[in-house]
Every structure is written in C-alpha cells, then in structure tokens.
Amino acid sequence: MKFVCPCGAVVRDNTDYQEHKAYFIPDQLYEGAAERIEAGGEVWAEMRRVTRPMYQCSDCCRLFLSDDAGNLVSFKPDDSTRFGILKGKL
C-alpha cells in the first residue's frame, strides 16, 4: 500500500518494522482485548481484530489514522513536532 500525503510525499506500507507506522487500539476495545487474551484467546488474532494502523509522513510529520471504516484521516501537528514519534523504544 502507498498513498500521497497532502505535502506531496509518498507514504509506503510495503514491509515490516517501519519507523513511520504503528498500530493503535481504541480505548473502548483495549480492556476487552486484554481480558480475552488473559482468558486464553490467541494474541495475534485479537490484535488484528482491535488494532488500526497509523502512519507519519517523514517530510511534514502529518499523522494518518485509520478510522473504523478503514479510511485514512490526517492530522497536521505543530511545527515543532519531529519525525519519529511512532518509533518503538525498548
């Protein structure tokens, strides 16, 4: 998958371990998912069911969130926001 940001940059989702991509869980689904996993539910199946992808443009730092219908909705951050807010830190 790829799409064009309003700034003109191309945002790609064609591999794993991308620093510009993350998944989020709506708060209304978080506790129920954790309870189903604790009760023996399959972790990966539950994560696929409740998560939605989000992306950050590497040029303008705009965030793209997938809504419940799978459409991307974008948000432009303050000018001081840097690229990399979706990076994982272990």
PDB file of N, CA and C in Angstrom:
ATOM      1  N   MET A   1       0.839  -1.179   0.000  1.00  0.00           N
ATOM      2  CA  MET A   1       0.000   0.000   0.000  1.00  0.00           C
ATOM      3  C   MET A   1       0.884   1.242   0.000  1.00  0.00           C
ATOM      4  N   LYS A   2       0.438   2.259  -0.665  1.00  0.00           N
ATOM      5  CA  LYS A   2       1.098   3.559  -0.589  1.00  0.00           C
ATOM      6  C   LYS A   2       0.057   4.629  -0.839  1.00  0.00           C
ATOM      7  N   PHE A   3       0.326   5.808  -0.312  1.00  0.00           N
ATOM      8  CA  PHE A   3      -0.570   6.935  -0.521  1.00  0.00           C
ATOM      9  C   PHE A   3       0.259   8.204  -0.518  1.00  0.00           C
ATOM     10  N   VAL A   4      -0.317   9.266  -1.030  1.00  0.00           N
ATOM     11  CA  VAL A   4       0.386  10.543  -1.124  1.00  0.00           C
ATOM     12  C   VAL A   4      -0.135  11.480  -0.040  1.00  0.00           C
ATOM     13  N   CYS A   5       0.777  12.012   0.737  1.00  0.00           N
ATOM     14  CA  CYS A   5       0.467  12.994   1.771  1.00  0.00           C
ATOM     15  C   CYS A   5       0.102  14.318   1.088  1.00  0.00           C
ATOM     16  N   PRO A   6      -0.713  15.154   1.724  1.00  0.00           N
ATOM     17  CA  PRO A   6      -1.006  16.471   1.144  1.00  0.00           C
ATOM     18  C   PRO A   6       0.245  17.301   0.840  1.00  0.00           C
ATOM     19  N   CYS A   7       1.365  17.023   1.521  1.00  0.00           N
ATOM     20  CA  CYS A   7       2.601  17.760   1.237  1.00  0.00           C
ATOM     21  C   CYS A   7       3.286  17.263  -0.033  1.00  0.00           C
ATOM     22  N   GLY A   8       2.806  16.135  -0.583  1.00  0.00           N
ATOM     23  CA  GLY A   8       3.381  15.584  -1.804  1.00  0.00           C
ATOM     24  C   GLY A   8       4.261  14.372  -1.595  1.00  0.00           C
ATOM     25  N   ALA A   9       4.646  14.079  -0.371  1.00  0.00           N
ATOM     26  CA  ALA A   9       5.492  12.914  -0.084  1.00  0.00           C
ATOM     27  C   ALA A   9       4.676  11.631  -0.210  1.00  0.00           C
ATOM     28  N   VAL A  10       5.331  10.568  -0.652  1.00  0.00           N
ATOM     29  CA  VAL A  10       4.689   9.260  -0.748  1.00  0.00           C
ATOM     30  C   VAL A  10       4.951   8.508   0.549  1.00  0.00           C
ATOM     31  N   VAL A  11       3.890   7.994   1.156  1.00  0.00           N
ATOM     32  CA  VAL A  11       3.994   7.195   2.379  1.00  0.00           C
ATOM     33  C   VAL A  11       3.734   5.750   1.975  1.00  0.00           C
ATOM     34  N   ARG A  12       4.699   4.871   2.256  1.00  0.00           N
ATOM     35  CA  ARG A  12       4.604   3.470   1.841  1.00  0.00           C
ATOM     36  C   ARG A  12       4.401   2.551   3.038  1.00  0.00           C
ATOM     37  N   ASP A  13       3.660   1.488   2.790  1.00  0.00           N
ATOM     38  CA  ASP A  13       3.478   0.426   3.773  1.00  0.00           C
ATOM     39  C   ASP A  13       3.673  -0.887   3.028  1.00  0.00           C
ATOM     40  N   ASN A  14       4.936  -1.237   2.802  1.00  0.00           N
ATOM     41  CA  ASN A  14       5.207  -2.416   1.993  1.00  0.00           C
ATOM     42  C   ASN A  14       6.216  -3.372   2.613  1.00  0.00           C
ATOM     43  N   THR A  15       6.493  -3.211   3.901  1.00  0.00           N
ATOM     44  CA  THR A  15       7.425  -4.104   4.576  1.00  0.00           C
ATOM     45  C   THR A  15       7.142  -4.061   6.072  1.00  0.00           C
ATOM     46  N   ASP A  16       7.847  -4.866   6.837  1.00  0.00           N
ATOM     47  CA  ASP A  16       7.696  -4.870   8.295  1.00  0.00           C
ATOM     48  C   ASP A  16       8.711  -3.930   8.934  1.00  0.00           C
ATOM     49  N   TYR A  17       8.508  -3.658  10.211  1.00  0.00           N
ATOM     50  CA  TYR A  17       9.442  -2.883  11.042  1.00  0.00           C
ATOM     51  C   TYR A  17       9.682  -1.469  10.501  1.00  0.00           C
ATOM     52  N   GLN A  18       8.619  -0.794  10.156  1.00  0.00           N
ATOM     53  CA  GLN A  18       8.719   0.558   9.619  1.00  0.00           C
ATOM     54  C   GLN A  18       8.658   1.586  10.744  1.00  0.00           C
ATOM     55  N   GLU A  19       9.542   2.555  10.707  1.00  0.00           N
ATOM     56  CA  GLU A  19       9.585   3.564  11.768  1.00  0.00           C
ATOM     57  C   GLU A  19       8.498   4.618  11.637  1.00  0.00           C
ATOM     58  N   HIS A  20       7.795   4.627  10.520  1.00  0.00           N
ATOM     59  CA  HIS A  20       6.724   5.608  10.315  1.00  0.00           C
ATOM     60  C   HIS A  20       5.333   4.995  10.476  1.00  0.00           C
ATOM     61  N   LYS A  21       5.269   3.757  10.985  1.00  0.00           N
ATOM     62  CA  LYS A  21       3.990   3.068  11.130  1.00  0.00           C
ATOM     63  C   LYS A  21       3.843   2.529  12.546  1.00  0.00           C
ATOM     64  N   ALA A  22       2.628   2.572  13.054  1.00  0.00           N
ATOM     65  CA  ALA A  22       2.317   1.986  14.356  1.00  0.00           C
ATOM     66  C   ALA A  22       0.870   1.500  14.302  1.00  0.00           C
ATOM     67  N   TYR A  23       0.473   0.841  15.346  1.00  0.00           N
ATOM     68  CA  TYR A  23      -0.916   0.409  15.484  1.00  0.00           C
ATOM     69  C   TYR A  23      -1.477   1.016  16.751  1.00  0.00           C
ATOM     70  N   PHE A  24      -2.731   1.403  16.723  1.00  0.00           N
ATOM     71  CA  PHE A  24      -3.358   1.899  17.942  1.00  0.00           C
ATOM     72  C   PHE A  24      -4.611   1.089  18.233  1.00  0.00           C
ATOM     73  N   ILE A  25      -4.975   1.083  19.501  1.00  0.00           N
ATOM     74  CA  ILE A  25      -6.163   0.373  19.961  1.00  0.00           C
ATOM     75  C   ILE A  25      -7.107   1.404  20.571  1.00  0.00           C
ATOM     76  N   PRO A  26      -8.313   1.525  20.049  1.00  0.00           N
ATOM     77  CA  PRO A  26      -9.274   2.435  20.675  1.00  0.00           C
ATOM     78  C   PRO A  26      -9.507   2.037  22.136  1.00  0.00           C
ATOM     79  N   ASP A  27      -9.627   3.010  22.994  1.00  0.00           N
ATOM     80  CA  ASP A  27      -9.772   2.760  24.425  1.00  0.00           C
ATOM     81  C   ASP A  27     -10.960   1.848  24.735  1.00  0.00           C
ATOM     82  N   GLN A  28     -12.040   1.973  23.985  1.00  0.00           N
ATOM     83  CA  GLN A  28     -13.219   1.151  24.230  1.00  0.00           C
ATOM     84  C   GLN A  28     -12.955  -0.333  23.983  1.00  0.00           C
ATOM     85  N   LEU A  29     -11.919  -0.673  23.227  1.00  0.00           N
ATOM     86  CA  LEU A  29     -11.616  -2.066  22.896  1.00  0.00           C
ATOM     87  C   LEU A  29     -10.456  -2.641  23.699  1.00  0.00           C
ATOM     88  N   TYR A  30      -9.675  -1.785  24.327  1.00  0.00           N
ATOM     89  CA  TYR A  30      -8.426  -2.200  24.977  1.00  0.00           C
ATOM     90  C   TYR A  30      -8.645  -3.233  26.086  1.00  0.00           C
ATOM     91  N   GLU A  31      -9.490  -2.913  27.051  1.00  0.00           N
ATOM     92  CA  GLU A  31      -9.678  -3.798  28.202  1.00  0.00           C
ATOM     93  C   GLU A  31     -10.292  -5.137  27.790  1.00  0.00           C
ATOM     94  N   GLY A  32     -11.264  -5.098  26.903  1.00  0.00           N
ATOM     95  CA  GLY A  32     -11.880  -6.338  26.430  1.00  0.00           C
ATOM     96  C   GLY A  32     -10.881  -7.237  25.726  1.00  0.00           C
ATOM     97  N   ALA A  33     -10.004  -6.648  24.922  1.00  0.00           N
ATOM     98  CA  ALA A  33      -8.980  -7.433  24.234  1.00  0.00           C
ATOM     99  C   ALA A  33      -8.031  -8.070  25.238  1.00  0.00           C
ATOM    100  N   ALA A  34      -7.605  -7.302  26.234  1.00  0.00           N
ATOM    101  CA  ALA A  34      -6.705  -7.840  27.258  1.00  0.00           C
ATOM    102  C   ALA A  34      -7.372  -8.980  28.018  1.00  0.00           C
ATOM    103  N   GLU A  35      -8.638  -8.830  28.337  1.00  0.00           N
ATOM    104  CA  GLU A  35      -9.360  -9.890  29.055  1.00  0.00           C
ATOM    105  C   GLU A  35      -9.490 -11.153  28.212  1.00  0.00           C
ATOM    106  N   ARG A  36      -9.762 -11.016  26.917  1.00  0.00           N
ATOM    107  CA  ARG A  36      -9.867 -12.191  26.046  1.00  0.00           C
ATOM    108  C   ARG A  36      -8.522 -12.893  25.904  1.00  0.00           C
ATOM    109  N   ILE A  37      -7.440 -12.127  25.849  1.00  0.00           N
ATOM    110  CA  ILE A  37      -6.108 -12.730  25.771  1.00  0.00           C
ATOM    111  C   ILE A  37      -5.790 -13.454  27.073  1.00  0.00           C
ATOM    112  N   GLU A  38      -6.066 -12.819  28.208  1.00  0.00           N
ATOM    113  CA  GLU A  38      -5.841 -13.459  29.509  1.00  0.00           C
ATOM    114  C   GLU A  38      -6.644 -14.745  29.657  1.00  0.00           C
ATOM    115  N   ALA A  39      -7.819 -14.794  29.054  1.00  0.00           N
ATOM    116  CA  ALA A  39      -8.683 -15.971  29.149  1.00  0.00           C
ATOM    117  C   ALA A  39      -8.274 -17.071  28.172  1.00  0.00           C
ATOM    118  N   GLY A  40      -7.192 -16.853  27.437  1.00  0.00           N
ATOM    119  CA  GLY A  40      -6.687 -17.885  26.538  1.00  0.00           C
ATOM    120  C   GLY A  40      -6.891 -17.609  25.068  1.00  0.00           C
ATOM    121  N   GLY A  41      -7.384 -16.437  24.741  1.00  0.00           N
ATOM    122  CA  GLY A  41      -7.560 -16.086  23.336  1.00  0.00           C
ATOM    123  C   GLY A  41      -6.220 -15.949  22.622  1.00  0.00           C
ATOM    124  N   GLU A  42      -6.224 -16.139  21.323  1.00  0.00           N
ATOM    125  CA  GLU A  42      -4.988 -16.035  20.543  1.00  0.00           C
ATOM    126  C   GLU A  42      -4.574 -14.569  20.426  1.00  0.00           C
ATOM    127  N   VAL A  43      -3.361 -14.279  20.848  1.00  0.00           N
ATOM    128  CA  VAL A  43      -2.875 -12.896  20.901  1.00  0.00           C
ATOM    129  C   VAL A  43      -2.918 -12.238  19.527  1.00  0.00           C
ATOM    130  N   TRP A  44      -2.344 -12.879  18.506  1.00  0.00           N
ATOM    131  CA  TRP A  44      -2.270 -12.253  17.186  1.00  0.00           C
ATOM    132  C   TRP A  44      -3.648 -12.014  16.591  1.00  0.00           C
ATOM    133  N   ALA A  45      -4.550 -12.972  16.769  1.00  0.00           N
ATOM    134  CA  ALA A  45      -5.908 -12.798  16.237  1.00  0.00           C
ATOM    135  C   ALA A  45      -6.602 -11.627  16.924  1.00  0.00           C
ATOM    136  N   GLU A  46      -6.420 -11.518  18.225  1.00  0.00           N
ATOM    137  CA  GLU A  46      -7.050 -10.425  18.968  1.00  0.00           C
ATOM    138  C   GLU A  46      -6.455  -9.074  18.569  1.00  0.00           C
ATOM    139  N   MET A  47      -5.139  -9.023  18.386  1.00  0.00           N
ATOM    140  CA  MET A  47      -4.503  -7.767  17.977  1.00  0.00           C
ATOM    141  C   MET A  47      -4.988  -7.331  16.596  1.00  0.00           C
ATOM    142  N   ARG A  48      -5.109  -8.279  15.675  1.00  0.00           N
ATOM    143  CA  ARG A  48      -5.623  -7.935  14.334  1.00  0.00           C
ATOM    144  C   ARG A  48      -7.059  -7.423  14.415  1.00  0.00           C
ATOM    145  N   ARG A  49      -7.826  -7.953  15.354  1.00  0.00           N
ATOM    146  CA  ARG A  49      -9.228  -7.576  15.478  1.00  0.00           C
ATOM    147  C   ARG A  49      -9.413  -6.163  16.023  1.00  0.00           C
ATOM    148  N   VAL A  50      -8.554  -5.737  16.953  1.00  0.00           N
ATOM    149  CA  VAL A  50      -8.802  -4.465  17.649  1.00  0.00           C
ATOM    150  C   VAL A  50      -7.883  -3.312  17.251  1.00  0.00           C
ATOM    151  N   THR A  51      -6.798  -3.591  16.533  1.00  0.00           N
ATOM    152  CA  THR A  51      -5.868  -2.510  16.196  1.00  0.00           C
ATOM    153  C   THR A  51      -6.202  -1.884  14.842  1.00  0.00           C
ATOM    154  N   ARG A  52      -5.745  -0.656  14.692  1.00  0.00           N
ATOM    155  CA  ARG A  52      -5.844   0.061  13.419  1.00  0.00           C
ATOM    156  C   ARG A  52      -4.474   0.656  13.124  1.00  0.00           C
ATOM    157  N   PRO A  53      -4.082   0.711  11.841  1.00  0.00           N
ATOM    158  CA  PRO A  53      -2.777   1.288  11.525  1.00  0.00           C
ATOM    159  C   PRO A  53      -2.783   2.812  11.587  1.00  0.00           C
ATOM    160  N   MET A  54      -1.616   3.346  11.860  1.00  0.00           N
ATOM    161  CA  MET A  54      -1.400   4.789  11.790  1.00  0.00           C
ATOM    162  C   MET A  54      -0.021   5.015  11.185  1.00  0.00           C
ATOM    163  N   TYR A  55       0.145   6.129  10.514  1.00  0.00           N
ATOM    164  CA  TYR A  55       1.379   6.442   9.799  1.00  0.00           C
ATOM    165  C   TYR A  55       1.787   7.879  10.085  1.00  0.00           C
ATOM    166  N   GLN A  56       3.095   8.154   9.900  1.00  0.00           N
ATOM    167  CA  GLN A  56       3.588   9.523   9.987  1.00  0.00           C
ATOM    168  C   GLN A  56       4.375   9.831   8.719  1.00  0.00           C
ATOM    169  N   CYS A  57       4.072  10.947   8.090  1.00  0.00           N
ATOM    170  CA  CYS A  57       4.816  11.391   6.913  1.00  0.00           C
ATOM    171  C   CYS A  57       6.214  11.816   7.350  1.00  0.00           C
ATOM    172  N   SER A  58       7.223  11.332   6.653  1.00  0.00           N
ATOM    173  CA  SER A  58       8.604  11.673   7.020  1.00  0.00           C
ATOM    174  C   SER A  58       8.979  13.100   6.625  1.00  0.00           C
ATOM    175  N   ASP A  59       8.214  13.718   5.726  1.00  0.00           N
ATOM    176  CA  ASP A  59       8.534  15.088   5.305  1.00  0.00           C
ATOM    177  C   ASP A  59       7.868  16.157   6.168  1.00  0.00           C
ATOM    178  N   CYS A  60       6.550  16.058   6.360  1.00  0.00           N
ATOM    179  CA  CYS A  60       5.838  17.116   7.097  1.00  0.00           C
ATOM    180  C   CYS A  60       5.372  16.675   8.484  1.00  0.00           C
ATOM    181  N   CYS A  61       5.590  15.405   8.831  1.00  0.00           N
ATOM    182  CA  CYS A  61       5.239  14.817  10.139  1.00  0.00           C
ATOM    183  C   CYS A  61       3.737  14.668  10.363  1.00  0.00           C
ATOM    184  N   ARG A  62       2.930  14.859   9.338  1.00  0.00           N
ATOM    185  CA  ARG A  62       1.479  14.676   9.452  1.00  0.00           C
ATOM    186  C   ARG A  62       1.187  13.236   9.875  1.00  0.00           C
ATOM    187  N   LEU A  63       0.189  13.059  10.739  1.00  0.00           N
ATOM    188  CA  LEU A  63      -0.245  11.739  11.174  1.00  0.00           C
ATOM    189  C   LEU A  63      -1.471  11.307  10.381  1.00  0.00           C
ATOM    190  N   PHE A  64      -1.512  10.040  10.052  1.00  0.00           N
ATOM    191  CA  PHE A  64      -2.650   9.436   9.365  1.00  0.00           C
ATOM    192  C   PHE A  64      -3.163   8.299  10.226  1.00  0.00           C
ATOM    193  N   LEU A  65      -4.435   8.371  10.599  1.00  0.00           N
ATOM    194  CA  LEU A  65      -5.061   7.335  11.405  1.00  0.00           C
ATOM    195  C   LEU A  65      -6.149   6.668  10.581  1.00  0.00           C
ATOM    196  N   SER A  66      -6.244   5.370  10.706  1.00  0.00           N
ATOM    197  CA  SER A  66      -7.298   4.644  10.024  1.00  0.00           C
ATOM    198  C   SER A  66      -8.564   4.693  10.876  1.00  0.00           C
ATOM    199  N   ASP A  67      -9.671   5.147  10.284  1.00  0.00           N
ATOM    200  CA  ASP A  67     -10.921   5.187  11.050  1.00  0.00           C
ATOM    201  C   ASP A  67     -11.555   3.796  11.071  1.00  0.00           C
ATOM    202  N   ASP A  68     -12.720   3.659  11.696  1.00  0.00           N
ATOM    203  CA  ASP A  68     -13.326   2.336  11.833  1.00  0.00           C
ATOM    204  C   ASP A  68     -13.821   1.751  10.515  1.00  0.00           C
ATOM    205  N   ALA A  69     -13.846   2.542   9.463  1.00  0.00           N
ATOM    206  CA  ALA A  69     -14.215   2.050   8.134  1.00  0.00           C
ATOM    207  C   ALA A  69     -12.985   1.776   7.266  1.00  0.00           C
ATOM    208  N   GLY A  70     -11.784   2.011   7.809  1.00  0.00           N
ATOM    209  CA  GLY A  70     -10.553   1.771   7.067  1.00  0.00           C
ATOM    210  C   GLY A  70     -10.063   2.950   6.251  1.00  0.00           C
ATOM    211  N   ASN A  71     -10.712   4.093   6.380  1.00  0.00           N
ATOM    212  CA  ASN A  71     -10.282   5.300   5.664  1.00  0.00           C
ATOM    213  C   ASN A  71      -9.228   6.041   6.476  1.00  0.00           C
ATOM    214  N   LEU A  72      -8.267   6.638   5.796  1.00  0.00           N
ATOM    215  CA  LEU A  72      -7.235   7.404   6.486  1.00  0.00           C
ATOM    216  C   LEU A  72      -7.704   8.832   6.750  1.00  0.00           C
ATOM    217  N   VAL A  73      -7.534   9.254   7.982  1.00  0.00           N
ATOM    218  CA  VAL A  73      -7.853  10.618   8.406  1.00  0.00           C
ATOM    219  C   VAL A  73      -6.535  11.241   8.839  1.00  0.00           C
ATOM    220  N   SER A  74      -6.241  12.460   8.397  1.00  0.00           N
ATOM    221  CA  SER A  74      -4.935  13.046   8.711  1.00  0.00           C
ATOM    222  C   SER A  74      -5.039  14.199   9.696  1.00  0.00           C
ATOM    223  N   PHE A  75      -3.950  14.375  10.427  1.00  0.00           N
ATOM    224  CA  PHE A  75      -3.823  15.453  11.402  1.00  0.00           C
ATOM    225  C   PHE A  75      -2.454  16.080  11.231  1.00  0.00           C
ATOM    226  N   LYS A  76      -2.410  17.392  11.109  1.00  0.00           N
ATOM    227  CA  LYS A  76      -1.142  18.111  10.964  1.00  0.00           C
ATOM    228  C   LYS A  76      -0.679  18.569  12.340  1.00  0.00           C
ATOM    229  N   PRO A  77       0.497  18.127  12.772  1.00  0.00           N
ATOM    230  CA  PRO A  77       0.988  18.521  14.095  1.00  0.00           C
ATOM    231  C   PRO A  77       1.572  19.935  14.103  1.00  0.00           C
ATOM    232  N   ASP A  78       1.866  20.413  15.289  1.00  0.00           N
ATOM    233  CA  ASP A  78       2.559  21.691  15.428  1.00  0.00           C
ATOM    234  C   ASP A  78       3.887  21.634  14.686  1.00  0.00           C
ATOM    235  N   ASP A  79       4.391  22.775  14.314  1.00  0.00           N
ATOM    236  CA  ASP A  79       5.646  22.839  13.561  1.00  0.00           C
ATOM    237  C   ASP A  79       6.830  22.255  14.317  1.00  0.00           C
ATOM    238  N   SER A  80       6.767  22.211  15.631  1.00  0.00           N
ATOM    239  CA  SER A  80       7.899  21.710  16.415  1.00  0.00           C
ATOM    240  C   SER A  80       7.958  20.183  16.476  1.00  0.00           C
ATOM    241  N   THR A  81       6.931  19.499  15.977  1.00  0.00           N
ATOM    242  CA  THR A  81       6.902  18.036  16.014  1.00  0.00           C
ATOM    243  C   THR A  81       7.904  17.476  15.021  1.00  0.00           C
ATOM    244  N   ARG A  82       8.679  16.510  15.477  1.00  0.00           N
ATOM    245  CA  ARG A  82       9.684  15.880  14.622  1.00  0.00           C
ATOM    246  C   ARG A  82       9.204  14.514  14.146  1.00  0.00           C
ATOM    247  N   PHE A  83       9.826  14.043  13.088  1.00  0.00           N
ATOM    248  CA  PHE A  83       9.547  12.701  12.589  1.00  0.00           C
ATOM    249  C   PHE A  83      10.053  11.683  13.606  1.00  0.00           C
ATOM    250  N   GLY A  84       9.324  10.607  13.763  1.00  0.00           N
ATOM    251  CA  GLY A  84       9.780   9.512  14.613  1.00  0.00           C
ATOM    252  C   GLY A  84       8.934   9.264  15.845  1.00  0.00           C
ATOM    253  N   ILE A  85       7.808   9.956  15.982  1.00  0.00           N
ATOM    254  CA  ILE A  85       7.011   9.754  17.195  1.00  0.00           C
ATOM    255  C   ILE A  85       6.361   8.377  17.236  1.00  0.00           C
ATOM    256  N   LEU A  86       6.321   7.662  16.121  1.00  0.00           N
ATOM    257  CA  LEU A  86       5.750   6.318  16.104  1.00  0.00           C
ATOM    258  C   LEU A  86       6.801   5.232  16.282  1.00  0.00           C
ATOM    259  N   LYS A  87       8.063   5.620  16.392  1.00  0.00           N
ATOM    260  CA  LYS A  87       9.143   4.643  16.569  1.00  0.00           C
ATOM    261  C   LYS A  87       8.997   3.925  17.898  1.00  0.00           C
ATOM    262  N   GLY A  88       9.289   2.640  17.879  1.00  0.00           N
ATOM    263  CA  GLY A  88       9.271   1.863  19.114  1.00  0.00           C
ATOM    264  C   GLY A  88      10.555   2.061  19.899  1.00  0.00           C
ATOM    265  N   LYS A  89      10.428   2.014  21.194  1.00  0.00           N
ATOM    266  CA  LYS A  89      11.597   2.124  22.071  1.00  0.00           C
ATOM    267  C   LYS A  89      11.505   1.003  23.089  1.00  0.00           C
ATOM    268  N   LEU A  90      12.480   0.138  23.082  1.00  0.00           N
ATOM    269  CA  LEU A  90      12.508  -0.978  24.037  1.00  0.00           C
ATOM    270  C   LEU A  90      13.542  -0.751  25.097  1.00  0.00           C
TER     271      LEU A  90
END
